[in-house]
Amino acid sequence: MNEVLSEIDFRFLAIDGKFPEKIDSLNPEASARRYYRATYPDGATKILCKDQVFQHDFQEVGHFLEHHGFKVPKIYKTDVFNKLMLLSDEGDSDLSSIQDDAEYRTFLVKSLELLVSLQKTRPEPPVSVREFDYEKLNFENKFTFSSYTNFSEMFKLKTKLRPEVVFFLEEASGFLAEYKEKVFCHRDFHARNIMLSPTRELTLIDFQDARMGTPFYDISSLLYDAYRPIPFAMRQGLFLLFLKLSDNRFKKPRECYYLQCLQRSYKALGSYFMLVAEKKQDKYRQSVLNCLDNLLEIVQVGLFPDQLFLFFHLLKKELSENTLFLEKL
C-alpha cells in the first residue's frame, strides 16, 4: 500500500473485493485536491481523488454534462465523509501535450465546437444560480492585487501595480457583469482541463466551479492559455470561427471578448503569482512570463490604456533580468 494513503483510503479502493496492486501519486496541480492512479490485478486503472471538501458540485455538474452528451470522468463510488471519489482513468495526455501547431489547431477547433454546444445548454443548479457578477469578477481582480504583493516581495521587484490598472479592471468587470447574454461557463476551459484519450476523444475535467458568464469567458481561457501559447494569426482565426459557430448572435463581440480576455488573463496571472510565491511551485514561473506576453498582446489589440501596457511590459522586463526569478525557471 502506498504510504501516503490511509487504511480508509485503501479500503475505499476495493472493487468487487479486489484491491489494487499498485498506487501511484499523480503530479499535484494548482488545487488542494490530490489524485492517485490505482492499478488492479486485471490491469485496469482507476483514479482516486482526495479533497479537503467533498465535491458535490463535481457530481451534479458532471451528471448534467453527461446527460447532454459531453464526455466527463465516470464516478464509480464516493465517500462523502472522507472526501473521496473513485473515477475513470482518462489517461495522462491533455491538449497541452500536442506540440505541433497544425495538429493543435485541429483540436482547438474541436474544443470550440464543444464549447459552442456547452453554451447552447440550459443550465440547472448549481450552475444556473451563480454567475460572474461584478462582486465575483472584482474579487478576482483583488486576488491578483494581493497575490502580486507577496510575489513582488519574494523577488524584490521594483515594478508597482499602479492605481490606474486597478481602476480600469474594476470598470471592465462592471461592463462584463452587465453584459446581457449569459451562458454556461466551465470557468477553467484551458488545455490542461481537456483530456485527450488514446482514441483522440476530448474529455472535460475540473468543471465543478462552472457558473453563468459571458460567452467569451471560456474562449478567452482557451485562446490565451499560458500553458500552451499559440500564434497571433491562429488565435484571430479561431475567434472568428467561434463567432461563426455561434451564428454571430452576440452583441459587441469584439469589445466584450477583449475585456474578458484582459480580466481572465489578469486573474490567471494572480494565480501564477500565488502558486510561485505561496505554494512554492516553481513550474509556474514560465506561466507567469507566458501570461504577461498574453496580456501585452491583449492590451495592444484591445486598444486599452497605456498604463496597462506599461505595467505588464515593465514587469516582464524586470522578471527577465531577475536572477532570483530565473534561477528556477
Protein backbone atom coordinates (compact mmCIF):
# COMPACT_ATOMS: atom_id res chain seq x y z
CA MET A 1 0.00 0.00 0.00
CA ASN A 2 1.26 3.48 -0.85
CA GLU A 3 2.33 5.19 2.40
CA VAL A 4 0.56 8.46 1.51
CA LEU A 5 -2.82 6.71 1.66
CA SER A 6 -4.56 5.76 4.88
CA GLU A 7 -6.19 2.42 5.59
CA ILE A 8 -9.58 4.08 4.96
CA ASP A 9 -8.41 5.25 1.55
CA PHE A 10 -7.10 1.81 0.64
CA ARG A 11 -10.30 0.02 1.67
CA PHE A 12 -12.28 2.52 -0.41
CA LEU A 13 -10.33 1.42 -3.49
CA ALA A 14 -11.71 -2.13 -3.37
CA ILE A 15 -13.78 -3.13 -6.41
CA ASP A 16 -15.72 -6.41 -6.23
CA GLY A 17 -13.50 -7.43 -3.33
CA LYS A 18 -10.29 -6.81 -5.26
CA PHE A 19 -7.68 -4.31 -4.17
CA PRO A 20 -5.19 -2.50 -6.39
CA GLU A 21 -1.71 -3.97 -6.73
CA LYS A 22 -0.12 -0.59 -7.31
CA ILE A 23 -0.93 3.01 -6.39
CA ASP A 24 0.91 5.95 -7.93
CA SER A 25 0.64 9.56 -6.83
CA LEU A 26 -0.04 11.87 -9.77
CA ASN A 27 1.58 15.28 -10.13
CA PRO A 28 -0.17 17.90 -7.99
CA GLU A 29 -1.71 20.81 -9.85
CA ALA A 30 -2.95 24.18 -8.66
CA SER A 31 -5.79 22.92 -6.44
CA ALA A 32 -5.70 21.30 -2.99
CA ARG A 33 -7.07 18.08 -4.46
CA ARG A 34 -4.73 15.10 -4.78
CA TYR A 35 -5.00 12.32 -7.35
CA TYR A 36 -3.73 8.76 -7.36
CA ARG A 37 -3.77 6.07 -10.06
CA ALA A 38 -4.77 2.64 -8.77
CA THR A 39 -3.80 -0.37 -10.90
CA TYR A 40 -5.81 -3.55 -10.32
CA PRO A 41 -4.81 -7.21 -10.85
CA ASP A 42 -6.54 -7.35 -14.25
CA GLY A 43 -4.55 -4.29 -15.43
CA ALA A 44 -7.49 -1.89 -15.20
CA THR A 45 -6.80 1.52 -13.69
CA LYS A 46 -8.93 3.98 -11.74
CA ILE A 47 -8.25 7.45 -10.35
CA LEU A 48 -8.69 8.23 -6.67
CA CYS A 49 -9.46 11.86 -5.87
CA LYS A 50 -8.85 13.07 -2.31
CA ASP A 51 -10.10 16.53 -1.40
CA GLN A 52 -10.37 18.77 1.65
CA VAL A 53 -14.10 19.21 0.98
CA PHE A 54 -16.31 16.71 -0.82
CA GLN A 55 -17.08 17.97 -4.32
CA HIS A 56 -20.87 17.68 -4.54
CA ASP A 57 -20.80 20.17 -7.41
CA PHE A 58 -18.47 17.92 -9.39
CA GLN A 59 -21.09 15.18 -9.13
CA GLU A 60 -24.03 17.39 -10.05
CA VAL A 61 -22.39 19.29 -12.89
CA GLY A 62 -20.87 16.04 -14.17
CA HIS A 63 -24.29 14.38 -14.30
CA PHE A 64 -25.67 17.42 -16.17
CA LEU A 65 -22.85 17.33 -18.73
CA GLU A 66 -23.08 13.58 -19.20
CA HIS A 67 -26.85 13.84 -19.70
CA HIS A 68 -26.24 16.34 -22.51
CA GLY A 69 -23.74 14.09 -24.26
CA PHE A 70 -20.43 15.56 -23.07
CA LYS A 71 -17.64 13.18 -22.15
CA VAL A 72 -16.65 13.53 -18.48
CA PRO A 73 -14.96 11.20 -15.97
CA LYS A 74 -17.24 8.42 -14.74
CA ILE A 75 -17.80 8.31 -10.97
CA TYR A 76 -17.67 4.70 -9.71
CA LYS A 77 -18.07 5.32 -5.99
CA THR A 78 -17.91 8.10 -3.42
CA ASP A 79 -17.23 8.55 0.30
CA VAL A 80 -18.68 11.90 1.35
CA PHE A 81 -17.39 11.73 4.94
CA ASN A 82 -13.78 11.07 3.92
CA LYS A 83 -14.00 13.30 0.80
CA LEU A 84 -13.11 10.52 -1.64
CA MET A 85 -14.14 9.76 -5.23
CA LEU A 86 -13.14 6.88 -7.46
CA LEU A 87 -13.12 7.98 -11.10
CA SER A 88 -12.46 6.56 -14.53
CA ASP A 89 -8.89 6.96 -15.75
CA GLU A 90 -8.84 9.42 -18.64
CA GLY A 91 -5.12 8.99 -19.25
CA ASP A 92 -2.13 11.30 -18.92
CA SER A 93 -2.47 13.37 -22.09
CA ASP A 94 -4.26 16.67 -22.32
CA LEU A 95 -4.35 19.20 -25.15
CA SER A 96 -1.22 20.95 -23.91
CA SER A 97 0.75 17.79 -24.77
CA ILE A 98 0.26 18.47 -28.51
CA GLN A 99 3.37 20.29 -29.68
CA ASP A 100 2.65 20.64 -33.39
CA ASP A 101 0.68 23.85 -34.02
CA ALA A 102 -1.22 22.47 -37.00
CA GLU A 103 -2.40 19.42 -35.05
CA TYR A 104 -3.14 21.59 -32.02
CA ARG A 105 -5.30 23.88 -34.13
CA THR A 106 -7.34 20.87 -35.26
CA PHE A 107 -8.11 20.05 -31.64
CA LEU A 108 -8.78 23.68 -30.78
CA VAL A 109 -11.46 23.67 -33.48
CA LYS A 110 -12.98 20.57 -31.87
CA SER A 111 -12.78 22.32 -28.50
CA LEU A 112 -14.59 25.37 -29.89
CA GLU A 113 -17.33 23.14 -31.28
CA LEU A 114 -17.62 21.55 -27.85
CA LEU A 115 -17.71 25.00 -26.23
CA VAL A 116 -20.48 26.24 -28.50
CA SER A 117 -22.51 23.13 -27.66
CA LEU A 118 -21.95 23.80 -23.95
CA GLN A 119 -23.20 27.36 -24.37
CA LYS A 120 -26.40 26.16 -26.01
CA THR A 121 -27.41 24.07 -22.98
CA ARG A 122 -29.93 25.33 -20.45
CA PRO A 123 -28.00 25.16 -17.17
CA GLU A 124 -29.52 23.84 -13.95
CA PRO A 125 -28.45 24.37 -10.31
CA PRO A 126 -25.79 24.75 -9.08
CA VAL A 127 -24.58 26.42 -12.30
CA SER A 128 -27.73 28.43 -13.04
CA VAL A 129 -27.84 30.04 -9.58
CA ARG A 130 -24.35 31.56 -9.62
CA GLU A 131 -22.69 33.86 -12.10
CA PHE A 132 -19.76 36.11 -12.84
CA ASP A 133 -21.37 39.21 -11.41
CA TYR A 134 -19.43 42.36 -10.50
CA GLU A 135 -18.69 41.09 -7.00
CA LYS A 136 -17.17 37.83 -8.29
CA LEU A 137 -15.20 39.45 -11.11
CA ASN A 138 -13.82 42.19 -8.89
CA PHE A 139 -12.95 39.61 -6.22
CA GLU A 140 -10.71 38.00 -8.84
CA ASN A 141 -9.12 41.38 -9.58
CA LYS A 142 -8.40 41.93 -5.88
CA PHE A 143 -6.96 38.43 -5.65
CA THR A 144 -4.36 39.32 -8.27
CA PHE A 145 -3.52 42.56 -6.48
CA SER A 146 -2.91 40.79 -3.16
CA SER A 147 -1.00 37.93 -4.82
CA TYR A 148 1.29 40.42 -6.53
CA THR A 149 2.19 41.94 -3.16
CA ASN A 150 3.61 38.61 -1.97
CA PHE A 151 5.18 37.84 -5.33
CA SER A 152 6.95 41.20 -5.62
CA GLU A 153 8.28 40.91 -2.07
CA MET A 154 9.65 37.44 -2.78
CA PHE A 155 11.65 38.63 -5.80
CA LYS A 156 12.32 42.16 -4.53
CA LEU A 157 10.61 43.73 -7.54
CA LYS A 158 10.53 47.47 -8.16
CA THR A 159 7.61 47.49 -10.63
CA LYS A 160 4.50 48.78 -8.89
CA LEU A 161 0.90 47.89 -9.69
CA ARG A 162 -0.44 51.38 -10.34
CA PRO A 163 -3.95 52.52 -9.30
CA GLU A 164 -4.84 53.19 -12.97
CA VAL A 165 -4.56 49.46 -13.69
CA VAL A 166 -6.79 48.60 -10.73
CA PHE A 167 -9.41 51.20 -11.71
CA PHE A 168 -9.58 50.04 -15.33
CA LEU A 169 -10.02 46.41 -14.29
CA GLU A 170 -12.86 47.46 -12.00
CA GLU A 171 -14.56 49.23 -14.91
CA ALA A 172 -14.04 46.20 -17.15
CA SER A 173 -15.66 43.99 -14.51
CA GLY A 174 -18.65 46.31 -14.44
CA PHE A 175 -19.11 46.05 -18.20
CA LEU A 176 -18.75 42.24 -18.18
CA ALA A 177 -21.17 41.86 -15.26
CA GLU A 178 -23.82 43.87 -17.13
CA TYR A 179 -23.41 42.00 -20.44
CA LYS A 180 -26.90 40.67 -21.15
CA GLU A 181 -26.08 37.33 -22.74
CA LYS A 182 -25.05 34.82 -20.04
CA VAL A 183 -24.20 31.21 -20.85
CA PHE A 184 -22.77 28.09 -19.23
CA CYS A 185 -19.12 28.75 -18.36
CA HIS A 186 -16.78 25.90 -17.49
CA ARG A 187 -14.68 28.58 -15.71
CA ASP A 188 -11.29 26.96 -16.36
CA PHE A 189 -11.54 25.94 -20.01
CA HIS A 190 -7.85 25.62 -20.90
CA ALA A 191 -5.69 22.94 -22.49
CA ARG A 192 -4.86 21.10 -19.26
CA ASN A 193 -8.53 20.63 -18.44
CA ILE A 194 -9.35 18.99 -21.77
CA MET A 195 -8.07 15.43 -21.69
CA LEU A 196 -7.11 13.58 -24.86
CA SER A 197 -7.86 9.86 -24.87
CA PRO A 198 -5.83 7.27 -26.82
CA THR A 199 -8.69 7.32 -29.37
CA ARG A 200 -8.35 11.15 -29.58
CA GLU A 201 -11.64 11.90 -27.81
CA LEU A 202 -11.97 15.03 -25.68
CA THR A 203 -12.94 14.69 -22.03
CA LEU A 204 -13.75 17.67 -19.81
CA ILE A 205 -12.41 17.78 -16.26
CA ASP A 206 -12.31 20.31 -13.39
CA PHE A 207 -15.79 21.69 -14.11
CA GLN A 208 -17.13 21.80 -10.53
CA ASP A 209 -16.95 25.60 -10.36
CA ALA A 210 -18.98 26.17 -13.53
CA ARG A 211 -21.24 29.25 -13.46
CA MET A 212 -23.06 31.67 -15.73
CA GLY A 213 -20.96 34.27 -17.52
CA THR A 214 -20.31 35.99 -20.82
CA PRO A 215 -19.94 33.84 -23.96
CA PHE A 216 -16.31 34.96 -24.10
CA TYR A 217 -15.10 33.79 -20.69
CA ASP A 218 -14.19 30.23 -21.70
CA ILE A 219 -12.85 31.09 -25.15
CA SER A 220 -10.51 33.65 -23.58
CA SER A 221 -9.14 30.87 -21.33
CA LEU A 222 -8.57 28.61 -24.32
CA LEU A 223 -7.08 31.05 -26.83
CA TYR A 224 -4.98 32.97 -24.30
CA ASP A 225 -3.72 29.88 -22.49
CA ALA A 226 -0.42 30.45 -20.68
CA TYR A 227 0.14 26.68 -20.61
CA ARG A 228 0.02 26.39 -24.41
CA PRO A 229 0.73 29.64 -26.32
CA ILE A 230 -0.34 29.87 -29.97
CA PRO A 231 0.49 32.30 -32.79
CA PHE A 232 -1.47 35.54 -33.07
CA ALA A 233 -2.87 34.71 -36.54
CA MET A 234 -4.18 31.34 -35.31
CA ARG A 235 -5.84 32.99 -32.33
CA GLN A 236 -7.55 35.58 -34.53
CA GLY A 237 -8.83 32.98 -36.97
CA LEU A 238 -10.20 30.78 -34.18
CA PHE A 239 -12.04 33.72 -32.63
CA LEU A 240 -13.76 34.43 -35.95
CA LEU A 241 -14.61 30.73 -36.24
CA PHE A 242 -16.16 30.85 -32.77
CA LEU A 243 -18.37 33.76 -33.80
CA LYS A 244 -19.44 31.87 -36.93
CA LEU A 245 -20.19 28.68 -34.99
CA SER A 246 -22.23 30.82 -32.59
CA ASP A 247 -24.25 32.23 -35.53
CA ASN A 248 -22.85 35.72 -34.81
CA ARG A 249 -25.61 36.20 -32.27
CA PHE A 250 -23.66 38.08 -29.59
CA LYS A 251 -23.70 41.87 -29.32
CA LYS A 252 -20.46 43.88 -29.24
CA PRO A 253 -18.44 40.67 -29.60
CA ARG A 254 -15.02 42.22 -30.08
CA GLU A 255 -15.38 44.70 -27.20
CA CYS A 256 -16.64 42.07 -24.79
CA TYR A 257 -14.08 39.48 -25.96
CA TYR A 258 -11.02 41.63 -25.31
CA LEU A 259 -12.30 42.96 -22.00
CA GLN A 260 -12.96 39.37 -20.95
CA CYS A 261 -9.53 38.28 -22.16
CA LEU A 262 -7.97 41.08 -20.11
CA GLN A 263 -9.92 40.24 -16.96
CA ARG A 264 -9.41 36.49 -17.33
CA SER A 265 -5.67 36.63 -18.03
CA TYR A 266 -5.18 39.17 -15.24
CA LYS A 267 -6.86 36.76 -12.83
CA ALA A 268 -4.74 33.88 -14.16
CA LEU A 269 -1.64 35.98 -13.56
CA GLY A 270 -2.68 36.31 -9.93
CA SER A 271 -3.00 32.53 -9.68
CA TYR A 272 0.53 32.06 -11.01
CA PHE A 273 1.85 34.72 -8.59
CA MET A 274 0.24 32.79 -5.73
CA LEU A 275 1.45 29.37 -6.88
CA VAL A 276 5.04 30.57 -7.18
CA ALA A 277 5.24 32.80 -4.10
CA GLU A 278 2.98 30.98 -1.63
CA LYS A 279 2.80 27.39 -2.85
CA LYS A 280 6.46 27.34 -3.98
CA GLN A 281 5.54 25.58 -7.22
CA ASP A 282 8.38 26.70 -9.46
CA LYS A 283 6.93 25.06 -12.57
CA TYR A 284 4.52 28.03 -12.80
CA ARG A 285 7.30 30.59 -13.25
CA GLN A 286 7.18 30.09 -17.02
CA SER A 287 3.41 30.53 -16.89
CA VAL A 288 3.93 33.98 -15.35
CA LEU A 289 6.02 35.03 -18.36
CA ASN A 290 3.63 33.46 -20.88
CA CYS A 291 0.67 35.16 -19.20
CA LEU A 292 2.42 38.54 -19.34
CA ASP A 293 3.01 38.01 -23.08
CA ASN A 294 -0.71 37.32 -23.46
CA LEU A 295 -1.64 40.44 -21.52
CA LEU A 296 0.71 42.61 -23.57
CA GLU A 297 -0.96 41.39 -26.76
CA ILE A 298 -4.47 41.82 -25.32
CA VAL A 299 -3.76 45.39 -24.24
CA GLN A 300 -2.41 46.31 -27.68
CA VAL A 301 -5.05 44.60 -29.80
CA GLY A 302 -7.85 45.66 -27.45
CA LEU A 303 -6.64 49.28 -27.59
CA PHE A 304 -6.56 49.55 -23.81
CA PRO A 305 -4.85 52.36 -21.81
CA ASP A 306 -1.08 52.78 -22.00
CA GLN A 307 -0.76 52.39 -18.22
CA LEU A 308 -1.78 48.73 -18.52
CA PHE A 309 0.81 48.09 -21.22
CA LEU A 310 3.45 49.88 -19.17
CA PHE A 311 2.84 47.76 -16.06
CA PHE A 312 2.91 44.42 -17.90
CA HIS A 313 5.91 45.48 -20.03
CA LEU A 314 8.00 46.69 -17.09
CA LEU A 315 7.14 43.62 -15.03
CA LYS A 316 8.08 41.26 -17.87
CA LYS A 317 11.35 43.14 -18.41
CA GLU A 318 12.24 43.10 -14.72
CA LEU A 319 11.49 39.39 -14.34
CA SER A 320 13.54 38.60 -17.45
CA GLU A 321 16.54 40.18 -15.71
CA ASN A 322 15.84 38.97 -12.17
CA THR A 323 18.34 36.29 -11.12
CA LEU A 324 16.17 35.16 -8.19
CA PHE A 325 13.25 34.51 -10.55
CA LEU A 326 15.33 32.99 -13.35
CA GLU A 327 17.32 30.56 -11.22
CA LYS A 328 14.45 28.03 -11.05
CA LEU A 329 12.81 28.82 -14.35
